[in-house]
Amino acid sequence: MGREVIGEWTDSRARTLSLTDDGKVAIQGAGGERLYLFSVPGKLLSGEQVSDTEVAITFELGA
């Protein structure tokens, strides 16, 4: 706990991010089409849709 991973998506087609019900991050284009679906390993502890372009997720990696 206490470690942060900060990432930036550099695909020029990407316009928005959204948090899915199962804690994945959907990267979407200008028309709302899903371009990518990002997930992390481990147990999801929390997720928050901060803005249209920012999602915060907290997860725990297995030992």
PDB file of N, CA and C in Angstrom:
ATOM      1  N   MET A   1       0.843  -1.181   0.000  1.00  0.00           N
ATOM      2  CA  MET A   1       0.000   0.000   0.000  1.00  0.00           C
ATOM      3  C   MET A   1       0.887   1.243   0.000  1.00  0.00           C
ATOM      4  N   GLY A   2       0.325   2.334  -0.463  1.00  0.00           N
ATOM      5  CA  GLY A   2       1.069   3.570  -0.446  1.00  0.00           C
ATOM      6  C   GLY A   2       1.884   3.835  -1.698  1.00  0.00           C
ATOM      7  N   ARG A   3       1.893   2.904  -2.636  1.00  0.00           N
ATOM      8  CA  ARG A   3       2.622   3.140  -3.881  1.00  0.00           C
ATOM      9  C   ARG A   3       1.650   3.648  -4.929  1.00  0.00           C
ATOM     10  N   GLU A   4       2.126   4.518  -5.779  1.00  0.00           N
ATOM     11  CA  GLU A   4       1.272   5.078  -6.821  1.00  0.00           C
ATOM     12  C   GLU A   4       1.833   4.728  -8.187  1.00  0.00           C
ATOM     13  N   VAL A   5       0.960   4.409  -9.082  1.00  0.00           N
ATOM     14  CA  VAL A   5       1.313   4.234 -10.477  1.00  0.00           C
ATOM     15  C   VAL A   5       0.527   5.284 -11.244  1.00  0.00           C
ATOM     16  N   ILE A   6       1.228   6.112 -11.951  1.00  0.00           N
ATOM     17  CA  ILE A   6       0.579   7.169 -12.720  1.00  0.00           C
ATOM     18  C   ILE A   6       0.931   6.932 -14.180  1.00  0.00           C
ATOM     19  N   GLY A   7      -0.080   6.893 -15.015  1.00  0.00           N
ATOM     20  CA  GLY A   7       0.162   6.640 -16.426  1.00  0.00           C
ATOM     21  C   GLY A   7      -0.516   7.668 -17.297  1.00  0.00           C
ATOM     22  N   GLU A   8      -0.010   7.786 -18.490  1.00  0.00           N
ATOM     23  CA  GLU A   8      -0.596   8.708 -19.460  1.00  0.00           C
ATOM     24  C   GLU A   8      -0.793   7.935 -20.758  1.00  0.00           C
ATOM     25  N   TRP A   9      -1.988   8.027 -21.322  1.00  0.00           N
ATOM     26  CA  TRP A   9      -2.282   7.335 -22.570  1.00  0.00           C
ATOM     27  C   TRP A   9      -1.971   8.292 -23.715  1.00  0.00           C
ATOM     28  N   THR A  10      -1.098   7.869 -24.637  1.00  0.00           N
ATOM     29  CA  THR A  10      -0.618   8.794 -25.660  1.00  0.00           C
ATOM     30  C   THR A  10      -1.234   8.582 -27.040  1.00  0.00           C
ATOM     31  N   ASP A  11      -2.183   7.677 -27.181  1.00  0.00           N
ATOM     32  CA  ASP A  11      -2.856   7.471 -28.465  1.00  0.00           C
ATOM     33  C   ASP A  11      -3.667   8.723 -28.795  1.00  0.00           C
ATOM     34  N   SER A  12      -3.387   9.353 -29.919  1.00  0.00           N
ATOM     35  CA  SER A  12      -4.050  10.614 -30.263  1.00  0.00           C
ATOM     36  C   SER A  12      -5.548  10.453 -30.507  1.00  0.00           C
ATOM     37  N   ARG A  13      -6.023   9.230 -30.705  1.00  0.00           N
ATOM     38  CA  ARG A  13      -7.463   9.008 -30.899  1.00  0.00           C
ATOM     39  C   ARG A  13      -8.221   8.990 -29.577  1.00  0.00           C
ATOM     40  N   ALA A  14      -7.526   8.757 -28.475  1.00  0.00           N
ATOM     41  CA  ALA A  14      -8.173   8.652 -27.160  1.00  0.00           C
ATOM     42  C   ALA A  14      -8.655  10.024 -26.692  1.00  0.00           C
ATOM     43  N   ARG A  15      -9.897  10.068 -26.213  1.00  0.00           N
ATOM     44  CA  ARG A  15     -10.475  11.325 -25.738  1.00  0.00           C
ATOM     45  C   ARG A  15     -10.967  11.252 -24.298  1.00  0.00           C
ATOM     46  N   THR A  16     -11.523  10.114 -23.900  1.00  0.00           N
ATOM     47  CA  THR A  16     -12.065  10.000 -22.547  1.00  0.00           C
ATOM     48  C   THR A  16     -11.701   8.656 -21.930  1.00  0.00           C
ATOM     49  N   LEU A  17     -11.781   8.623 -20.613  1.00  0.00           N
ATOM     50  CA  LEU A  17     -11.603   7.397 -19.841  1.00  0.00           C
ATOM     51  C   LEU A  17     -12.879   7.154 -19.058  1.00  0.00           C
ATOM     52  N   SER A  18     -13.201   5.890 -18.840  1.00  0.00           N
ATOM     53  CA  SER A  18     -14.334   5.582 -17.968  1.00  0.00           C
ATOM     54  C   SER A  18     -14.022   4.329 -17.175  1.00  0.00           C
ATOM     55  N   LEU A  19     -14.527   4.289 -15.975  1.00  0.00           N
ATOM     56  CA  LEU A  19     -14.341   3.160 -15.076  1.00  0.00           C
ATOM     57  C   LEU A  19     -15.497   2.191 -15.277  1.00  0.00           C
ATOM     58  N   THR A  20     -15.185   0.925 -15.554  1.00  0.00           N
ATOM     59  CA  THR A  20     -16.232  -0.075 -15.747  1.00  0.00           C
ATOM     60  C   THR A  20     -16.701  -0.602 -14.392  1.00  0.00           C
ATOM     61  N   ASP A  21     -17.809  -1.320 -14.400  1.00  0.00           N
ATOM     62  CA  ASP A  21     -18.358  -1.873 -13.159  1.00  0.00           C
ATOM     63  C   ASP A  21     -17.413  -2.851 -12.477  1.00  0.00           C
ATOM     64  N   ASP A  22     -16.550  -3.505 -13.261  1.00  0.00           N
ATOM     65  CA  ASP A  22     -15.622  -4.470 -12.671  1.00  0.00           C
ATOM     66  C   ASP A  22     -14.220  -3.900 -12.463  1.00  0.00           C
ATOM     67  N   GLY A  23     -14.083  -2.565 -12.477  1.00  0.00           N
ATOM     68  CA  GLY A  23     -12.829  -1.921 -12.108  1.00  0.00           C
ATOM     69  C   GLY A  23     -11.800  -1.785 -13.207  1.00  0.00           C
ATOM     70  N   LYS A  24     -12.191  -2.001 -14.439  1.00  0.00           N
ATOM     71  CA  LYS A  24     -11.277  -1.794 -15.560  1.00  0.00           C
ATOM     72  C   LYS A  24     -11.441  -0.365 -16.067  1.00  0.00           C
ATOM     73  N   VAL A  25     -10.465   0.076 -16.849  1.00  0.00           N
ATOM     74  CA  VAL A  25     -10.516   1.424 -17.405  1.00  0.00           C
ATOM     75  C   VAL A  25     -10.713   1.315 -18.914  1.00  0.00           C
ATOM     76  N   ALA A  26     -11.801   1.889 -19.402  1.00  0.00           N
ATOM     77  CA  ALA A  26     -12.073   1.915 -20.837  1.00  0.00           C
ATOM     78  C   ALA A  26     -11.530   3.215 -21.414  1.00  0.00           C
ATOM     79  N   ILE A  27     -10.730   3.087 -22.468  1.00  0.00           N
ATOM     80  CA  ILE A  27     -10.192   4.243 -23.169  1.00  0.00           C
ATOM     81  C   ILE A  27     -11.037   4.401 -24.433  1.00  0.00           C
ATOM     82  N   GLN A  28     -11.647   5.576 -24.587  1.00  0.00           N
ATOM     83  CA  GLN A  28     -12.613   5.773 -25.662  1.00  0.00           C
ATOM     84  C   GLN A  28     -12.192   6.886 -26.607  1.00  0.00           C
ATOM     85  N   GLY A  29     -12.646   6.762 -27.851  1.00  0.00           N
ATOM     86  CA  GLY A  29     -12.376   7.762 -28.874  1.00  0.00           C
ATOM     87  C   GLY A  29     -13.397   8.887 -28.838  1.00  0.00           C
ATOM     88  N   ALA A  30     -13.274   9.797 -29.788  1.00  0.00           N
ATOM     89  CA  ALA A  30     -14.130  10.984 -29.836  1.00  0.00           C
ATOM     90  C   ALA A  30     -15.606  10.640 -29.976  1.00  0.00           C
ATOM     91  N   GLY A  31     -15.927   9.565 -30.668  1.00  0.00           N
ATOM     92  CA  GLY A  31     -17.318   9.169 -30.857  1.00  0.00           C
ATOM     93  C   GLY A  31     -17.837   8.250 -29.772  1.00  0.00           C
ATOM     94  N   GLY A  32     -17.054   8.039 -28.727  1.00  0.00           N
ATOM     95  CA  GLY A  32     -17.467   7.173 -27.634  1.00  0.00           C
ATOM     96  C   GLY A  32     -17.133   5.711 -27.842  1.00  0.00           C
ATOM     97  N   GLU A  33     -16.518   5.384 -28.984  1.00  0.00           N
ATOM     98  CA  GLU A  33     -16.163   3.991 -29.245  1.00  0.00           C
ATOM     99  C   GLU A  33     -15.005   3.563 -28.347  1.00  0.00           C
ATOM    100  N   ARG A  34     -15.071   2.334 -27.854  1.00  0.00           N
ATOM    101  CA  ARG A  34     -14.021   1.811 -26.984  1.00  0.00           C
ATOM    102  C   ARG A  34     -12.817   1.425 -27.828  1.00  0.00           C
ATOM    103  N   LEU A  35     -11.688   2.030 -27.527  1.00  0.00           N
ATOM    104  CA  LEU A  35     -10.450   1.732 -28.234  1.00  0.00           C
ATOM    105  C   LEU A  35      -9.649   0.653 -27.515  1.00  0.00           C
ATOM    106  N   TYR A  36      -9.602   0.740 -26.195  1.00  0.00           N
ATOM    107  CA  TYR A  36      -8.820  -0.180 -25.377  1.00  0.00           C
ATOM    108  C   TYR A  36      -9.552  -0.435 -24.068  1.00  0.00           C
ATOM    109  N   LEU A  37      -9.218  -1.546 -23.439  1.00  0.00           N
ATOM    110  CA  LEU A  37      -9.724  -1.849 -22.104  1.00  0.00           C
ATOM    111  C   LEU A  37      -8.522  -2.226 -21.253  1.00  0.00           C
ATOM    112  N   PHE A  38      -8.243  -1.418 -20.251  1.00  0.00           N
ATOM    113  CA  PHE A  38      -7.058  -1.563 -19.404  1.00  0.00           C
ATOM    114  C   PHE A  38      -7.458  -2.204 -18.083  1.00  0.00           C
ATOM    115  N   SER A  39      -6.703  -3.215 -17.665  1.00  0.00           N
ATOM    116  CA  SER A  39      -6.955  -3.832 -16.363  1.00  0.00           C
ATOM    117  C   SER A  39      -5.629  -4.039 -15.645  1.00  0.00           C
ATOM    118  N   VAL A  40      -5.703  -4.190 -14.348  1.00  0.00           N
ATOM    119  CA  VAL A  40      -4.505  -4.408 -13.538  1.00  0.00           C
ATOM    120  C   VAL A  40      -4.620  -5.758 -12.844  1.00  0.00           C
ATOM    121  N   PRO A  41      -3.476  -6.378 -12.561  1.00  0.00           N
ATOM    122  CA  PRO A  41      -3.521  -7.646 -11.834  1.00  0.00           C
ATOM    123  C   PRO A  41      -3.819  -7.396 -10.359  1.00  0.00           C
ATOM    124  N   GLY A  42      -4.280  -8.401  -9.687  1.00  0.00           N
ATOM    125  CA  GLY A  42      -4.495  -8.280  -8.249  1.00  0.00           C
ATOM    126  C   GLY A  42      -5.925  -7.961  -7.889  1.00  0.00           C
ATOM    127  N   LYS A  43      -6.121  -7.667  -6.629  1.00  0.00           N
ATOM    128  CA  LYS A  43      -7.452  -7.423  -6.066  1.00  0.00           C
ATOM    129  C   LYS A  43      -7.779  -5.931  -6.101  1.00  0.00           C
ATOM    130  N   LEU A  44      -8.903  -5.588  -6.716  1.00  0.00           N
ATOM    131  CA  LEU A  44      -9.346  -4.197  -6.758  1.00  0.00           C
ATOM    132  C   LEU A  44      -9.850  -3.785  -5.379  1.00  0.00           C
ATOM    133  N   LEU A  45      -9.303  -2.703  -4.844  1.00  0.00           N
ATOM    134  CA  LEU A  45      -9.735  -2.190  -3.544  1.00  0.00           C
ATOM    135  C   LEU A  45     -10.730  -1.050  -3.702  1.00  0.00           C
ATOM    136  N   SER A  46     -10.501  -0.181  -4.690  1.00  0.00           N
ATOM    137  CA  SER A  46     -11.436   0.921  -4.940  1.00  0.00           C
ATOM    138  C   SER A  46     -11.202   1.479  -6.333  1.00  0.00           C
ATOM    139  N   GLY A  47     -12.205   2.166  -6.822  1.00  0.00           N
ATOM    140  CA  GLY A  47     -12.110   2.827  -8.114  1.00  0.00           C
ATOM    141  C   GLY A  47     -12.966   4.076  -8.104  1.00  0.00           C
ATOM    142  N   GLU A  48     -12.491   5.120  -8.783  1.00  0.00           N
ATOM    143  CA  GLU A  48     -13.229   6.386  -8.807  1.00  0.00           C
ATOM    144  C   GLU A  48     -13.083   7.045 -10.173  1.00  0.00           C
ATOM    145  N   GLN A  49     -14.192   7.492 -10.719  1.00  0.00           N
ATOM    146  CA  GLN A  49     -14.200   8.291 -11.945  1.00  0.00           C
ATOM    147  C   GLN A  49     -13.986   9.736 -11.513  1.00  0.00           C
ATOM    148  N   VAL A  50     -12.778  10.260 -11.676  1.00  0.00           N
ATOM    149  CA  VAL A  50     -12.427  11.599 -11.212  1.00  0.00           C
ATOM    150  C   VAL A  50     -12.946  12.666 -12.180  1.00  0.00           C
ATOM    151  N   SER A  51     -12.764  12.430 -13.465  1.00  0.00           N
ATOM    152  CA  SER A  51     -13.248  13.344 -14.506  1.00  0.00           C
ATOM    153  C   SER A  51     -13.385  12.539 -15.794  1.00  0.00           C
ATOM    154  N   ASP A  52     -13.721  13.205 -16.890  1.00  0.00           N
ATOM    155  CA  ASP A  52     -13.825  12.508 -18.176  1.00  0.00           C
ATOM    156  C   ASP A  52     -12.485  11.981 -18.666  1.00  0.00           C
ATOM    157  N   THR A  53     -11.410  12.530 -18.130  1.00  0.00           N
ATOM    158  CA  THR A  53     -10.077  12.130 -18.581  1.00  0.00           C
ATOM    159  C   THR A  53      -9.201  11.570 -17.464  1.00  0.00           C
ATOM    160  N   GLU A  54      -9.784  11.299 -16.305  1.00  0.00           N
ATOM    161  CA  GLU A  54      -9.000  10.777 -15.179  1.00  0.00           C
ATOM    162  C   GLU A  54      -9.804   9.749 -14.395  1.00  0.00           C
ATOM    163  N   VAL A  55      -9.153   8.603 -14.155  1.00  0.00           N
ATOM    164  CA  VAL A  55      -9.726   7.525 -13.353  1.00  0.00           C
ATOM    165  C   VAL A  55      -8.683   7.131 -12.318  1.00  0.00           C
ATOM    166  N   ALA A  56      -9.107   6.925 -11.080  1.00  0.00           N
ATOM    167  CA  ALA A  56      -8.200   6.484 -10.015  1.00  0.00           C
ATOM    168  C   ALA A  56      -8.619   5.089  -9.570  1.00  0.00           C
ATOM    169  N   ILE A  57      -7.665   4.168  -9.543  1.00  0.00           N
ATOM    170  CA  ILE A  57      -7.938   2.822  -9.042  1.00  0.00           C
ATOM    171  C   ILE A  57      -6.875   2.461  -8.011  1.00  0.00           C
ATOM    172  N   THR A  58      -7.297   1.757  -6.987  1.00  0.00           N
ATOM    173  CA  THR A  58      -6.394   1.253  -5.957  1.00  0.00           C
ATOM    174  C   THR A  58      -6.536  -0.255  -5.947  1.00  0.00           C
ATOM    175  N   PHE A  59      -5.412  -0.942  -5.996  1.00  0.00           N
ATOM    176  CA  PHE A  59      -5.455  -2.395  -6.036  1.00  0.00           C
ATOM    177  C   PHE A  59      -4.317  -2.970  -5.211  1.00  0.00           C
ATOM    178  N   GLU A  60      -4.465  -4.238  -4.882  1.00  0.00           N
ATOM    179  CA  GLU A  60      -3.481  -4.944  -4.062  1.00  0.00           C
ATOM    180  C   GLU A  60      -2.910  -6.089  -4.879  1.00  0.00           C
ATOM    181  N   LEU A  61      -1.594  -6.133  -4.973  1.00  0.00           N
ATOM    182  CA  LEU A  61      -0.937  -7.228  -5.665  1.00  0.00           C
ATOM    183  C   LEU A  61      -0.749  -8.391  -4.710  1.00  0.00           C
ATOM    184  N   GLY A  62      -0.838  -9.597  -5.229  1.00  0.00           N
ATOM    185  CA  GLY A  62      -0.621 -10.781  -4.406  1.00  0.00           C
ATOM    186  C   GLY A  62       0.837 -10.901  -4.000  1.00  0.00           C
ATOM    187  N   ALA A  63       1.067 -11.567  -2.880  1.00  0.00           N
ATOM    188  CA  ALA A  63       2.437 -11.720  -2.366  1.00  0.00           C
ATOM    189  C   ALA A  63       3.169 -12.816  -3.085  1.00  0.00           C
TER     190      ALA A  63
END
